[in-house]
Structure formats: C-alpha cells, structure tokens
C-alpha cells in the first residue's frame, strides 16, 4: 500500500468520527471519541515509522484497546461497543 492510499484510508475513518460528532447520540459520541483517541495515536506512530499497512494499523489499534481494557478503562459493555465500531470501520 502506498502512503497516499494509507492516508486515504485514514481520512475515510476520520470522516466517520467527524460525522459522529455532528450526528451521533451521546453514547455514540463517547464510543467514537474513545476509539478516535487510540486510532490517532496508532496512526501517528505508523506515519512516523513509515508503516503504510492497514493490517499493521489494525493490529496496533487492537493491541492498544486491549491494553486499555486490561487496565479496566471501560466497562465491559462499552468495551464491546468500541470493538464493534472498530470492526465496522476496519472490515
């Protein structure tokens, strides 16, 4: 995947986050914002390292989320909602 394709992929997901801010319910906004924080951090790392791989980004986001869940940052129901959203955004 080229850098340009990777950035297009990122922008598509970010568009969903922006749309949720404009149109989402309070819970959707919470879940989307939480995932967005992890996504942005992992995207930043990938770009800094020149890793333009959706598979590598998916793995990094999932690992970041799992670490947060292991630290009990979210209730189990919220965790599942975050995972489902990530699965929808990154099929």
Protein backbone atom coordinates (compact mmCIF):
# COMPACT_ATOMS: atom_id res chain seq x y z
CA UNK A 1 0.00 0.00 0.00
CA UNK A 2 1.33 3.43 -0.86
CA UNK A 3 1.49 6.30 1.59
CA UNK A 4 -1.24 8.07 -0.39
CA UNK A 5 -3.56 5.03 -0.20
CA UNK A 6 -2.89 4.69 3.53
CA UNK A 7 -3.74 8.35 4.12
CA UNK A 8 -6.95 7.97 2.10
CA UNK A 9 -7.88 5.00 4.32
CA UNK A 10 -7.20 7.07 7.45
CA UNK A 11 -9.23 10.01 6.14
CA UNK A 12 -12.20 7.74 5.47
CA UNK A 13 -12.21 6.54 9.07
CA UNK A 14 -11.69 10.07 10.40
CA UNK A 15 -14.71 11.18 8.38
CA UNK A 16 -16.82 8.73 10.37
CA UNK A 17 -15.50 10.20 13.62
CA UNK A 18 -16.40 13.72 12.46
CA UNK A 19 -19.85 12.60 11.34
CA UNK A 20 -20.50 11.06 14.75
CA UNK A 21 -19.66 14.37 16.42
CA UNK A 22 -22.22 16.09 14.21
CA UNK A 23 -24.96 13.47 14.25
CA UNK A 24 -24.34 10.82 16.91
CA UNK A 25 -26.06 10.15 20.20
CA UNK A 26 -24.26 10.82 23.46
CA UNK A 27 -23.22 7.14 23.71
CA UNK A 28 -22.11 7.01 20.07
CA UNK A 29 -20.05 10.14 20.63
CA UNK A 30 -18.44 8.60 23.72
CA UNK A 31 -17.56 5.34 21.95
CA UNK A 32 -16.37 7.11 18.80
CA UNK A 33 -14.24 9.60 20.75
CA UNK A 34 -12.65 6.84 22.79
CA UNK A 35 -11.74 4.85 19.68
CA UNK A 36 -10.60 8.01 17.90
CA UNK A 37 -8.01 8.65 20.62
CA UNK A 38 -6.48 5.20 20.21
CA UNK A 39 -6.74 5.41 16.41
CA UNK A 40 -5.00 8.80 16.24
CA UNK A 41 -2.14 7.61 18.44
CA UNK A 42 -1.56 4.48 16.37
CA UNK A 43 -1.85 6.41 13.07
CA UNK A 44 0.73 8.90 14.30
CA UNK A 45 3.13 6.10 15.19
CA UNK A 46 2.60 4.36 11.85
CA UNK A 47 3.21 7.55 9.87
CA UNK A 48 6.31 8.41 11.90
CA UNK A 49 7.72 4.94 11.23
CA UNK A 50 6.68 4.93 7.57
CA UNK A 51 4.48 1.85 8.04
CA UNK A 52 1.68 2.19 5.48
CA UNK A 53 -0.18 -1.01 6.25
CA UNK A 54 -3.84 -1.29 7.23
CA UNK A 55 -3.11 -4.72 8.73
CA UNK A 56 -0.36 -3.32 10.94
CA UNK A 57 -2.58 -0.41 11.96
CA UNK A 58 -5.44 -2.78 12.79
CA UNK A 59 -3.13 -4.86 14.97
CA UNK A 60 -1.77 -1.76 16.72
CA UNK A 61 -5.25 -0.36 17.42
CA UNK A 62 -6.49 -3.71 18.74
CA UNK A 63 -3.43 -4.06 21.00
CA UNK A 64 -3.84 -0.51 22.28
CA UNK A 65 -7.50 -1.12 23.04
CA UNK A 66 -6.78 -4.45 24.73
CA UNK A 67 -4.17 -2.84 26.95
CA UNK A 68 -6.68 -0.17 27.97
CA UNK A 69 -9.37 -2.79 28.58
CA UNK A 70 -6.96 -4.85 30.68
CA UNK A 71 -6.45 -1.70 32.77
CA UNK A 72 -10.25 -1.53 33.17
CA UNK A 73 -10.54 1.85 31.46
CA UNK A 74 -14.05 0.99 30.24
CA UNK A 75 -16.99 -1.07 31.41
CA UNK A 76 -17.41 -4.38 29.53
CA UNK A 77 -20.45 -3.12 27.58
CA UNK A 78 -18.55 -0.02 26.46
CA UNK A 79 -15.57 -2.19 25.51
CA UNK A 80 -17.78 -4.28 23.24
CA UNK A 81 -19.24 -1.18 21.61
CA UNK A 82 -15.74 0.15 20.89
CA UNK A 83 -14.68 -3.19 19.39
CA UNK A 84 -17.83 -3.38 17.24
CA UNK A 85 -17.24 0.14 15.96
CA UNK A 86 -13.64 -0.67 15.06
CA UNK A 87 -14.79 -3.81 13.25
CA UNK A 88 -17.28 -1.74 11.24
CA UNK A 89 -14.70 0.91 10.36
CA UNK A 90 -11.95 -1.59 9.57
CA UNK A 91 -13.65 -4.61 7.95
